[in-house]
């Protein structure tokens, strides 16, 4: 009986460790709002101003893809980016930005995105050239990109391909549709805000279209999502509970039989 109690205590401690890891749900309204707001704020404030910058809205499918790749906890771009229908059920081109850091409390959407948009200092709009890395910035402000989906994943064993790969960290992934960063093409057209919107609505210097901006729902998961072949925290909890419940039932039955003589033999 004492051995069983020790096992129960160990399992309980393990579940506490699992449940204590930071988790940013891709369906959390606050997380979604922060991601969308930060993107649109930066899109509204480009310099020189844009005449054709679209308003960006959340996409469930892109968020599912971002979460799936983030689960690998590796600081590399998704190897399936160029594979049609393996990144999204309907969009044929998907872009991606990555951020990673540690410890956990270093992550906020605003802080991660600031590193991306600060790359503007390395981008020359007139020449459409980067003096250093600036592709994260140009993807954020790519005028024809109008959907975004992000995920932030806690990596207790570290984020691979980083200088802190042995320390608990977080990886933040945002996927975009349609994809930006086409060689030789400027991220947007310079001009008076919304001048290139046509018949669309202008809101905070961004072009809005009710049909384009409508939220979509997808019953879809990428076939390379590691969650399809691994046991997550919920799965682990179920397995452990099952392991515990079997000996617990036998112990209970044994105790009841000792006290109440439940079984009789002739």
C-alpha atoms as a PDB file:
ATOM      1  CA  UNK A   1       0.000   0.000   0.000  1.00  0.00           C
ATOM      2  CA  UNK A   2       2.838   2.399   0.825  1.00  0.00           C
ATOM      3  CA  UNK A   3       4.404   1.779  -2.602  1.00  0.00           C
ATOM      4  CA  UNK A   4       1.125   2.685  -4.252  1.00  0.00           C
ATOM      5  CA  UNK A   5       0.951   5.944  -2.270  1.00  0.00           C
ATOM      6  CA  UNK A   6       4.474   6.826  -3.357  1.00  0.00           C
ATOM      7  CA  UNK A   7       3.536   6.221  -6.985  1.00  0.00           C
ATOM      8  CA  UNK A   8       0.434   8.392  -6.566  1.00  0.00           C
ATOM      9  CA  UNK A   9       2.499  11.243  -5.097  1.00  0.00           C
ATOM     10  CA  UNK A  10       5.026  11.033  -7.944  1.00  0.00           C
ATOM     11  CA  UNK A  11       2.299  11.075 -10.586  1.00  0.00           C
ATOM     12  CA  UNK A  12       0.606  14.046  -8.937  1.00  0.00           C
ATOM     13  CA  UNK A  13       3.890  15.954  -8.928  1.00  0.00           C
ATOM     14  CA  UNK A  14       4.413  15.141 -12.608  1.00  0.00           C
ATOM     15  CA  UNK A  15       0.961  16.411 -13.540  1.00  0.00           C
ATOM     16  CA  UNK A  16       1.637  19.638 -11.649  1.00  0.00           C
ATOM     17  CA  UNK A  17       4.811  20.172 -13.682  1.00  0.00           C
ATOM     18  CA  UNK A  18       2.939  19.591 -16.920  1.00  0.00           C
ATOM     19  CA  UNK A  19       0.026  21.853 -16.016  1.00  0.00           C
ATOM     20  CA  UNK A  20       2.278  24.643 -14.755  1.00  0.00           C
ATOM     21  CA  UNK A  21       3.879  25.239 -18.164  1.00  0.00           C
ATOM     22  CA  UNK A  22       2.753  28.494 -19.831  1.00  0.00           C
ATOM     23  CA  UNK A  23       0.180  27.896 -22.534  1.00  0.00           C
ATOM     24  CA  UNK A  24      -1.219  30.359 -25.054  1.00  0.00           C
ATOM     25  CA  UNK A  25      -4.404  28.982 -26.553  1.00  0.00           C
ATOM     26  CA  UNK A  26      -4.939  29.860 -30.218  1.00  0.00           C
ATOM     27  CA  UNK A  27      -8.660  30.215 -29.455  1.00  0.00           C
ATOM     28  CA  UNK A  28      -8.105  32.680 -26.597  1.00  0.00           C
ATOM     29  CA  UNK A  29      -9.882  35.934 -27.598  1.00  0.00           C
ATOM     30  CA  UNK A  30      -7.323  38.088 -25.758  1.00  0.00           C
ATOM     31  CA  UNK A  31      -4.387  36.413 -27.517  1.00  0.00           C
ATOM     32  CA  UNK A  32      -6.098  36.692 -30.902  1.00  0.00           C
ATOM     33  CA  UNK A  33      -6.966  40.345 -30.335  1.00  0.00           C
ATOM     34  CA  UNK A  34      -3.407  41.224 -29.341  1.00  0.00           C
ATOM     35  CA  UNK A  35      -1.914  39.504 -32.387  1.00  0.00           C
ATOM     36  CA  UNK A  36      -4.334  41.175 -34.821  1.00  0.00           C
ATOM     37  CA  UNK A  37      -4.114  44.602 -33.168  1.00  0.00           C
ATOM     38  CA  UNK A  38      -0.311  44.660 -33.144  1.00  0.00           C
ATOM     39  CA  UNK A  39      -0.146  43.699 -36.805  1.00  0.00           C
ATOM     40  CA  UNK A  40      -2.692  46.280 -37.923  1.00  0.00           C
ATOM     41  CA  UNK A  41      -1.118  49.037 -35.828  1.00  0.00           C
ATOM     42  CA  UNK A  42       2.220  48.484 -37.542  1.00  0.00           C
ATOM     43  CA  UNK A  43       0.560  48.263 -40.956  1.00  0.00           C
ATOM     44  CA  UNK A  44      -1.199  51.599 -40.354  1.00  0.00           C
ATOM     45  CA  UNK A  45       2.021  53.378 -39.433  1.00  0.00           C
ATOM     46  CA  UNK A  46       4.304  52.547 -42.358  1.00  0.00           C
ATOM     47  CA  UNK A  47       6.549  55.316 -43.674  1.00  0.00           C
ATOM     48  CA  UNK A  48       6.175  56.313 -46.440  1.00  0.00           C
ATOM     49  CA  UNK A  49       2.385  55.818 -46.151  1.00  0.00           C
ATOM     50  CA  UNK A  50       0.673  53.031 -48.097  1.00  0.00           C
ATOM     51  CA  UNK A  51      -2.208  53.509 -50.510  1.00  0.00           C
ATOM     52  CA  UNK A  52      -3.218  49.837 -50.682  1.00  0.00           C
ATOM     53  CA  UNK A  53      -2.594  48.358 -47.225  1.00  0.00           C
ATOM     54  CA  UNK A  54      -5.235  45.776 -46.355  1.00  0.00           C
ATOM     55  CA  UNK A  55      -6.702  45.311 -42.901  1.00  0.00           C
ATOM     56  CA  UNK A  56      -5.522  42.020 -41.378  1.00  0.00           C
ATOM     57  CA  UNK A  57      -7.822  39.539 -39.635  1.00  0.00           C
ATOM     58  CA  UNK A  58      -7.371  36.244 -37.806  1.00  0.00           C
ATOM     59  CA  UNK A  59      -7.455  32.910 -39.601  1.00  0.00           C
ATOM     60  CA  UNK A  60      -8.112  29.702 -37.697  1.00  0.00           C
ATOM     61  CA  UNK A  61      -6.328  27.503 -40.237  1.00  0.00           C
ATOM     62  CA  UNK A  62      -3.145  29.574 -40.127  1.00  0.00           C
ATOM     63  CA  UNK A  63      -3.206  29.468 -36.315  1.00  0.00           C
ATOM     64  CA  UNK A  64      -3.528  25.673 -36.364  1.00  0.00           C
ATOM     65  CA  UNK A  65      -0.529  25.488 -38.695  1.00  0.00           C
ATOM     66  CA  UNK A  66       1.485  27.868 -36.488  1.00  0.00           C
ATOM     67  CA  UNK A  67       0.680  25.788 -33.411  1.00  0.00           C
ATOM     68  CA  UNK A  68       1.633  22.547 -35.155  1.00  0.00           C
ATOM     69  CA  UNK A  69       5.050  23.883 -36.188  1.00  0.00           C
ATOM     70  CA  UNK A  70       5.655  25.545 -32.808  1.00  0.00           C
ATOM     71  CA  UNK A  71       5.218  22.164 -31.122  1.00  0.00           C
ATOM     72  CA  UNK A  72       8.524  21.027 -32.634  1.00  0.00           C
ATOM     73  CA  UNK A  73      10.296  23.705 -30.537  1.00  0.00           C
ATOM     74  CA  UNK A  74      12.894  24.390 -33.216  1.00  0.00           C
ATOM     75  CA  UNK A  75      13.937  27.852 -34.398  1.00  0.00           C
ATOM     76  CA  UNK A  76      13.721  27.134 -38.108  1.00  0.00           C
ATOM     77  CA  UNK A  77      11.152  27.950 -40.751  1.00  0.00           C
ATOM     78  CA  UNK A  78       8.516  25.350 -41.488  1.00  0.00           C
ATOM     79  CA  UNK A  79       9.924  22.840 -43.979  1.00  0.00           C
ATOM     80  CA  UNK A  80       6.479  22.528 -45.624  1.00  0.00           C
ATOM     81  CA  UNK A  81       6.066  26.226 -46.524  1.00  0.00           C
ATOM     82  CA  UNK A  82       6.248  25.562 -50.260  1.00  0.00           C
ATOM     83  CA  UNK A  83       4.015  22.481 -50.193  1.00  0.00           C
ATOM     84  CA  UNK A  84       0.501  23.337 -51.360  1.00  0.00           C
ATOM     85  CA  UNK A  85      -2.291  22.142 -49.063  1.00  0.00           C
ATOM     86  CA  UNK A  86       0.108  21.054 -46.336  1.00  0.00           C
ATOM     87  CA  UNK A  87       0.153  24.523 -44.784  1.00  0.00           C
ATOM     88  CA  UNK A  88      -3.512  25.458 -45.175  1.00  0.00           C
ATOM     89  CA  UNK A  89      -6.698  23.841 -46.493  1.00  0.00           C
ATOM     90  CA  UNK A  90      -7.469  26.686 -48.946  1.00  0.00           C
ATOM     91  CA  UNK A  91      -4.575  29.172 -49.231  1.00  0.00           C
ATOM     92  CA  UNK A  92      -1.909  28.046 -51.676  1.00  0.00           C
ATOM     93  CA  UNK A  93       0.785  30.435 -50.407  1.00  0.00           C
ATOM     94  CA  UNK A  94       1.660  30.966 -46.753  1.00  0.00           C
ATOM     95  CA  UNK A  95       4.322  33.197 -45.157  1.00  0.00           C
ATOM     96  CA  UNK A  96       5.910  32.830 -41.734  1.00  0.00           C
ATOM     97  CA  UNK A  97       7.679  34.808 -39.006  1.00  0.00           C
ATOM     98  CA  UNK A  98       9.437  33.291 -35.990  1.00  0.00           C
ATOM     99  CA  UNK A  99      10.553  34.545 -32.583  1.00  0.00           C
ATOM    100  CA  UNK A 100      12.106  32.613 -29.695  1.00  0.00           C
ATOM    101  CA  UNK A 101      13.231  33.627 -26.222  1.00  0.00           C
ATOM    102  CA  UNK A 102      13.695  32.657 -22.593  1.00  0.00           C
ATOM    103  CA  UNK A 103      12.712  32.642 -19.772  1.00  0.00           C
ATOM    104  CA  UNK A 104       8.966  32.326 -20.163  1.00  0.00           C
ATOM    105  CA  UNK A 105       8.183  35.773 -18.790  1.00  0.00           C
ATOM    106  CA  UNK A 106      10.201  37.400 -21.581  1.00  0.00           C
ATOM    107  CA  UNK A 107       7.408  36.693 -24.047  1.00  0.00           C
ATOM    108  CA  UNK A 108       4.666  39.091 -25.030  1.00  0.00           C
ATOM    109  CA  UNK A 109       3.193  39.473 -28.499  1.00  0.00           C
ATOM    110  CA  UNK A 110       4.215  43.137 -28.504  1.00  0.00           C
ATOM    111  CA  UNK A 111       7.817  42.397 -27.522  1.00  0.00           C
ATOM    112  CA  UNK A 112       8.202  39.654 -30.124  1.00  0.00           C
ATOM    113  CA  UNK A 113       6.717  41.751 -32.892  1.00  0.00           C
ATOM    114  CA  UNK A 114       8.873  44.738 -31.982  1.00  0.00           C
ATOM    115  CA  UNK A 115      11.951  42.759 -33.016  1.00  0.00           C
ATOM    116  CA  UNK A 116      10.312  42.072 -36.367  1.00  0.00           C
ATOM    117  CA  UNK A 117       9.173  45.606 -37.120  1.00  0.00           C
ATOM    118  CA  UNK A 118      12.419  47.160 -35.851  1.00  0.00           C
ATOM    119  CA  UNK A 119      13.998  45.667 -38.957  1.00  0.00           C
ATOM    120  CA  UNK A 120      12.551  48.678 -40.786  1.00  0.00           C
ATOM    121  CA  UNK A 121      15.841  50.432 -39.994  1.00  0.00           C
ATOM    122  CA  UNK A 122      17.528  48.007 -42.393  1.00  0.00           C
ATOM    123  CA  UNK A 123      14.970  48.483 -45.178  1.00  0.00           C
ATOM    124  CA  UNK A 124      15.145  51.165 -47.876  1.00  0.00           C
ATOM    125  CA  UNK A 125      11.733  51.614 -49.470  1.00  0.00           C
ATOM    126  CA  UNK A 126      13.021  53.734 -52.373  1.00  0.00           C
ATOM    127  CA  UNK A 127      15.502  51.070 -53.413  1.00  0.00           C
ATOM    128  CA  UNK A 128      13.413  48.168 -52.083  1.00  0.00           C
ATOM    129  CA  UNK A 129      16.534  46.689 -50.520  1.00  0.00           C
ATOM    130  CA  UNK A 130      17.656  45.366 -47.138  1.00  0.00           C
ATOM    131  CA  UNK A 131      21.050  46.257 -45.684  1.00  0.00           C
ATOM    132  CA  UNK A 132      20.561  43.460 -43.120  1.00  0.00           C
ATOM    133  CA  UNK A 133      17.738  41.053 -42.311  1.00  0.00           C
ATOM    134  CA  UNK A 134      14.386  42.775 -42.862  1.00  0.00           C
ATOM    135  CA  UNK A 135      12.105  40.055 -44.211  1.00  0.00           C
ATOM    136  CA  UNK A 136      10.126  39.807 -40.963  1.00  0.00           C
ATOM    137  CA  UNK A 137       9.241  43.491 -41.220  1.00  0.00           C
ATOM    138  CA  UNK A 138       8.272  43.350 -44.891  1.00  0.00           C
ATOM    139  CA  UNK A 139       6.004  40.344 -44.236  1.00  0.00           C
ATOM    140  CA  UNK A 140       4.223  42.192 -41.426  1.00  0.00           C
ATOM    141  CA  UNK A 141       3.550  45.153 -43.742  1.00  0.00           C
ATOM    142  CA  UNK A 142       2.979  43.257 -46.993  1.00  0.00           C
ATOM    143  CA  UNK A 143      -0.082  45.065 -48.352  1.00  0.00           C
ATOM    144  CA  UNK A 144      -1.804  42.094 -50.013  1.00  0.00           C
ATOM    145  CA  UNK A 145      -1.463  39.846 -46.976  1.00  0.00           C
ATOM    146  CA  UNK A 146      -4.759  39.986 -45.101  1.00  0.00           C
ATOM    147  CA  UNK A 147      -4.895  36.924 -42.828  1.00  0.00           C
ATOM    148  CA  UNK A 148      -2.733  35.963 -39.850  1.00  0.00           C
ATOM    149  CA  UNK A 149      -2.664  33.090 -37.369  1.00  0.00           C
ATOM    150  CA  UNK A 150      -0.169  32.819 -34.507  1.00  0.00           C
ATOM    151  CA  UNK A 151       0.797  30.427 -31.720  1.00  0.00           C
ATOM    152  CA  UNK A 152       3.114  30.641 -28.721  1.00  0.00           C
ATOM    153  CA  UNK A 153       4.475  27.336 -27.445  1.00  0.00           C
ATOM    154  CA  UNK A 154       6.270  26.693 -24.168  1.00  0.00           C
ATOM    155  CA  UNK A 155       9.352  24.506 -24.664  1.00  0.00           C
ATOM    156  CA  UNK A 156      10.444  23.157 -21.235  1.00  0.00           C
ATOM    157  CA  UNK A 157      13.411  21.351 -22.797  1.00  0.00           C
ATOM    158  CA  UNK A 158      14.546  24.407 -24.749  1.00  0.00           C
ATOM    159  CA  UNK A 159      14.154  25.737 -28.287  1.00  0.00           C
ATOM    160  CA  UNK A 160      16.501  23.928 -30.677  1.00  0.00           C
ATOM    161  CA  UNK A 161      18.767  25.957 -32.992  1.00  0.00           C
ATOM    162  CA  UNK A 162      19.096  28.810 -30.462  1.00  0.00           C
ATOM    163  CA  UNK A 163      21.860  29.877 -28.080  1.00  0.00           C
ATOM    164  CA  UNK A 164      19.565  28.945 -25.171  1.00  0.00           C
ATOM    165  CA  UNK A 165      18.591  25.492 -26.456  1.00  0.00           C
ATOM    166  CA  UNK A 166      19.128  23.866 -23.039  1.00  0.00           C
ATOM    167  CA  UNK A 167      16.921  26.294 -21.134  1.00  0.00           C
ATOM    168  CA  UNK A 168      13.125  26.431 -20.868  1.00  0.00           C
ATOM    169  CA  UNK A 169      11.953  28.853 -23.542  1.00  0.00           C
ATOM    170  CA  UNK A 170       9.103  29.911 -25.783  1.00  0.00           C
ATOM    171  CA  UNK A 171       8.725  29.960 -29.543  1.00  0.00           C
ATOM    172  CA  UNK A 172       6.251  32.302 -31.224  1.00  0.00           C
ATOM    173  CA  UNK A 173       5.125  31.525 -34.773  1.00  0.00           C
ATOM    174  CA  UNK A 174       2.918  33.632 -37.046  1.00  0.00           C
ATOM    175  CA  UNK A 175       1.702  32.409 -40.413  1.00  0.00           C
ATOM    176  CA  UNK A 176       0.355  34.722 -43.117  1.00  0.00           C
ATOM    177  CA  UNK A 177      -1.838  34.494 -46.207  1.00  0.00           C
ATOM    178  CA  UNK A 178      -1.435  35.292 -48.843  1.00  0.00           C
ATOM    179  CA  UNK A 179       2.353  35.105 -48.472  1.00  0.00           C
ATOM    180  CA  UNK A 180       4.526  38.175 -48.942  1.00  0.00           C
ATOM    181  CA  UNK A 181       8.203  38.811 -49.666  1.00  0.00           C
ATOM    182  CA  UNK A 182       8.284  38.297 -53.424  1.00  0.00           C
ATOM    183  CA  UNK A 183      11.680  39.113 -54.870  1.00  0.00           C
ATOM    184  CA  UNK A 184      11.814  42.484 -56.619  1.00  0.00           C
ATOM    185  CA  UNK A 185       8.355  43.535 -55.387  1.00  0.00           C
ATOM    186  CA  UNK A 186       7.830  46.334 -52.851  1.00  0.00           C
ATOM    187  CA  UNK A 187       5.701  45.366 -49.825  1.00  0.00           C
ATOM    188  CA  UNK A 188       3.143  48.113 -50.594  1.00  0.00           C
ATOM    189  CA  UNK A 189       2.377  51.020 -52.908  1.00  0.00           C
ATOM    190  CA  UNK A 190       3.250  54.471 -51.646  1.00  0.00           C
ATOM    191  CA  UNK A 191       0.464  57.070 -51.609  1.00  0.00           C
ATOM    192  CA  UNK A 192      -2.384  58.601 -49.669  1.00  0.00           C
ATOM    193  CA  UNK A 193      -3.861  56.115 -47.201  1.00  0.00           C
ATOM    194  CA  UNK A 194      -6.584  53.933 -48.739  1.00  0.00           C
ATOM    195  CA  UNK A 195      -6.371  55.649 -52.108  1.00  0.00           C
ATOM    196  CA  UNK A 196      -5.919  52.233 -53.659  1.00  0.00           C
ATOM    197  CA  UNK A 197      -8.827  50.665 -51.772  1.00  0.00           C
ATOM    198  CA  UNK A 198     -11.305  51.081 -54.605  1.00  0.00           C
ATOM    199  CA  UNK A 199     -14.833  50.672 -53.233  1.00  0.00           C
ATOM    200  CA  UNK A 200     -13.621  49.217 -49.953  1.00  0.00           C
ATOM    201  CA  UNK A 201     -13.950  50.884 -46.553  1.00  0.00           C
ATOM    202  CA  UNK A 202     -11.017  52.803 -45.100  1.00  0.00           C
ATOM    203  CA  UNK A 203     -10.366  52.188 -41.404  1.00  0.00           C
ATOM    204  CA  UNK A 204      -7.289  53.527 -39.607  1.00  0.00           C
ATOM    205  CA  UNK A 205      -5.503  53.879 -42.965  1.00  0.00           C
ATOM    206  CA  UNK A 206      -6.292  50.266 -43.896  1.00  0.00           C
ATOM    207  CA  UNK A 207      -8.570  48.841 -46.598  1.00  0.00           C
ATOM    208  CA  UNK A 208     -11.450  46.762 -45.224  1.00  0.00           C
ATOM    209  CA  UNK A 209     -13.724  44.374 -47.094  1.00  0.00           C
ATOM    210  CA  UNK A 210     -16.479  42.513 -45.225  1.00  0.00           C
ATOM    211  CA  UNK A 211     -16.245  39.436 -47.446  1.00  0.00           C
ATOM    212  CA  UNK A 212     -12.465  39.208 -47.345  1.00  0.00           C
ATOM    213  CA  UNK A 213     -12.319  39.933 -43.610  1.00  0.00           C
ATOM    214  CA  UNK A 214     -14.945  37.352 -42.630  1.00  0.00           C
ATOM    215  CA  UNK A 215     -13.785  34.684 -40.172  1.00  0.00           C
ATOM    216  CA  UNK A 216     -13.590  31.125 -41.503  1.00  0.00           C
ATOM    217  CA  UNK A 217     -13.762  27.829 -39.645  1.00  0.00           C
ATOM    218  CA  UNK A 218     -11.858  24.730 -40.772  1.00  0.00           C
ATOM    219  CA  UNK A 219     -11.982  21.137 -39.591  1.00  0.00           C
ATOM    220  CA  UNK A 220      -8.387  20.612 -40.511  1.00  0.00           C
ATOM    221  CA  UNK A 221      -5.026  19.685 -39.030  1.00  0.00           C
ATOM    222  CA  UNK A 222      -1.781  19.427 -41.023  1.00  0.00           C
ATOM    223  CA  UNK A 223      -0.734  15.822 -41.523  1.00  0.00           C
ATOM    224  CA  UNK A 224       2.728  16.599 -40.103  1.00  0.00           C
ATOM    225  CA  UNK A 225       1.437  17.930 -36.745  1.00  0.00           C
ATOM    226  CA  UNK A 226       3.482  16.102 -34.055  1.00  0.00           C
ATOM    227  CA  UNK A 227       0.374  15.996 -31.846  1.00  0.00           C
ATOM    228  CA  UNK A 228      -1.027  13.339 -34.207  1.00  0.00           C
ATOM    229  CA  UNK A 229       1.684  10.891 -33.152  1.00  0.00           C
ATOM    230  CA  UNK A 230       2.645  11.989 -29.654  1.00  0.00           C
ATOM    231  CA  UNK A 231       0.968  12.017 -26.287  1.00  0.00           C
ATOM    232  CA  UNK A 232       0.353  15.546 -25.000  1.00  0.00           C
ATOM    233  CA  UNK A 233      -0.354  16.648 -21.438  1.00  0.00           C
ATOM    234  CA  UNK A 234      -4.060  15.726 -21.618  1.00  0.00           C
ATOM    235  CA  UNK A 235      -3.262  12.356 -23.154  1.00  0.00           C
ATOM    236  CA  UNK A 236      -0.558  11.814 -20.523  1.00  0.00           C
ATOM    237  CA  UNK A 237      -3.043  12.631 -17.769  1.00  0.00           C
ATOM    238  CA  UNK A 238      -5.530  10.086 -19.114  1.00  0.00           C
ATOM    239  CA  UNK A 239      -2.875   7.373 -19.352  1.00  0.00           C
ATOM    240  CA  UNK A 240      -1.601   8.027 -15.838  1.00  0.00           C
ATOM    241  CA  UNK A 241      -5.107   8.078 -14.388  1.00  0.00           C
ATOM    242  CA  UNK A 242      -5.804   4.723 -16.001  1.00  0.00           C
ATOM    243  CA  UNK A 243      -2.579   3.277 -14.599  1.00  0.00           C
ATOM    244  CA  UNK A 244      -3.493   4.522 -11.133  1.00  0.00           C
ATOM    245  CA  UNK A 245      -7.137   3.476 -11.231  1.00  0.00           C
ATOM    246  CA  UNK A 246      -6.531  -0.249 -11.782  1.00  0.00           C
ATOM    247  CA  UNK A 247      -4.462  -0.932  -8.636  1.00  0.00           C
ATOM    248  CA  UNK A 248      -6.665   1.495  -6.692  1.00  0.00           C
ATOM    249  CA  UNK A 249      -9.758  -0.536  -7.563  1.00  0.00           C
ATOM    250  CA  UNK A 250      -8.083  -3.756  -6.414  1.00  0.00           C
ATOM    251  CA  UNK A 251      -6.999  -2.128  -3.147  1.00  0.00           C
ATOM    252  CA  UNK A 252     -10.504  -0.836  -2.495  1.00  0.00           C
ATOM    253  CA  UNK A 253     -12.092  -4.199  -3.251  1.00  0.00           C
ATOM    254  CA  UNK A 254      -9.553  -5.948  -1.022  1.00  0.00           C
ATOM    255  CA  UNK A 255     -10.251  -3.574   1.883  1.00  0.00           C
ATOM    256  CA  UNK A 256     -14.004  -3.936   1.513  1.00  0.00           C
ATOM    257  CA  UNK A 257     -13.705  -7.716   1.418  1.00  0.00           C
ATOM    258  CA  UNK A 258     -11.612  -7.749   4.582  1.00  0.00           C
ATOM    259  CA  UNK A 259     -14.121  -5.661   6.488  1.00  0.00           C
ATOM    260  CA  UNK A 260     -17.415  -6.975   5.081  1.00  0.00           C
ATOM    261  CA  UNK A 261     -16.621 -10.469   3.790  1.00  0.00           C
ATOM    262  CA  UNK A 262     -18.086  -9.737   0.363  1.00  0.00           C
ATOM    263  CA  UNK A 263     -17.062 -13.065  -1.140  1.00  0.00           C
ATOM    264  CA  UNK A 264     -18.323 -16.472   0.023  1.00  0.00           C
ATOM    265  CA  UNK A 265     -17.234 -19.851  -1.221  1.00  0.00           C
ATOM    266  CA  UNK A 266     -18.886 -23.254  -0.760  1.00  0.00           C
END
